[in-house]
Amino acid sequence: MTLRLDNGAWIKVSGTTISSNLKESGEDEYNHAVDGVESLLLSLHSKGVDISTPEVKEAIQETLEHLSNNI
C-alpha cells in the first residue's frame, strides 16, 4: 500500500517494511522524528488499522508540519 499525501510525499508499507520520501538531507533530528512516525504507522498497519483513511493521512500531514516547525 502506498499513501500519497497532499504535499507530494509518499509512504509505502509492504509487509513488515516501510519506506518513504519524508526524510530531509542533513536534518538528523527531524529524520529521527520521521523514523518514529514511520514506526507508529507500520505498527498500526500490522495490527490491522486502516492507515489509508483521509483522517489518518491528514493526521500524518499535520504531524509532519508540526515537526518541521518545531525541530
Protein backbone atom coordinates (compact mmCIF):
# COMPACT_ATOMS: atom_id res chain seq x y z
CA MET A 1 0.00 0.00 0.00
CA THR A 2 1.30 3.44 -0.89
CA LEU A 3 -0.07 6.54 0.83
CA ARG A 4 0.19 9.73 -1.19
CA LEU A 5 0.00 12.92 0.83
CA ASP A 6 -1.20 16.27 -0.49
CA ASN A 7 2.31 17.74 -0.31
CA GLY A 8 3.68 15.16 -2.78
CA ALA A 9 5.16 12.94 -0.08
CA TRP A 10 4.60 9.19 -0.18
CA ILE A 11 4.78 6.37 2.34
CA LYS A 12 4.90 2.74 1.21
CA VAL A 13 4.03 -0.08 3.59
CA SER A 14 4.72 -3.62 2.44
CA GLY A 15 4.57 -6.50 4.89
CA THR A 16 6.91 -5.59 7.73
CA THR A 17 8.75 -2.79 5.92
CA ILE A 18 8.06 0.87 5.40
CA SER A 19 9.73 3.39 3.11
CA SER A 20 9.04 6.99 2.24
CA ASN A 21 10.42 10.20 0.83
CA LEU A 22 9.79 12.06 4.08
CA LYS A 23 13.38 12.46 5.25
CA GLU A 24 15.43 15.55 4.51
CA SER A 25 19.16 15.58 3.81
CA GLY A 26 21.20 16.97 6.68
CA GLU A 27 18.25 17.18 9.08
CA ASP A 28 19.16 14.41 11.56
CA GLU A 29 16.82 15.46 14.38
CA TYR A 30 13.86 15.79 12.01
CA ASN A 31 14.71 12.46 10.35
CA HIS A 32 14.81 10.70 13.72
CA ALA A 33 11.32 12.06 14.43
CA VAL A 34 10.18 10.82 11.00
CA ASP A 35 11.52 7.37 11.94
CA GLY A 36 9.19 7.46 14.95
CA VAL A 37 6.19 8.42 12.80
CA GLU A 38 7.01 5.66 10.32
CA SER A 39 7.37 3.11 13.15
CA LEU A 40 3.97 4.06 14.52
CA LEU A 41 2.36 3.76 11.09
CA LEU A 42 3.96 0.36 10.49
CA SER A 43 2.80 -0.87 13.88
CA LEU A 44 -0.75 0.35 13.30
CA HIS A 45 -0.82 -1.26 9.87
CA SER A 46 0.46 -4.57 11.24
CA LYS A 47 -2.36 -4.53 13.82
CA GLY A 48 -4.96 -4.18 11.08
CA VAL A 49 -5.64 -0.45 11.36
CA ASP A 50 -6.52 1.15 8.03
CA ILE A 51 -3.88 3.86 7.71
CA SER A 52 -5.14 4.92 4.27
CA THR A 53 -8.19 6.81 5.54
CA PRO A 54 -8.43 10.54 4.88
CA GLU A 55 -8.31 11.18 8.64
CA VAL A 56 -5.06 9.28 9.10
CA LYS A 57 -3.49 10.94 6.06
CA GLU A 58 -4.49 14.35 7.43
CA ALA A 59 -3.04 13.47 10.83
CA ILE A 60 0.24 12.39 9.20
CA GLN A 61 0.47 15.66 7.27
CA GLU A 62 -0.27 17.72 10.38
CA THR A 63 2.33 15.79 12.36
CA LEU A 64 4.98 16.39 9.71
CA GLU A 65 4.13 20.09 9.60
CA HIS A 66 4.47 20.35 13.38
CA LEU A 67 7.80 18.55 13.24
CA SER A 68 9.06 20.91 10.55
CA ASN A 69 8.01 23.94 12.56
CA ASN A 70 9.31 22.77 15.91
CA ILE A 71 12.60 20.97 15.26
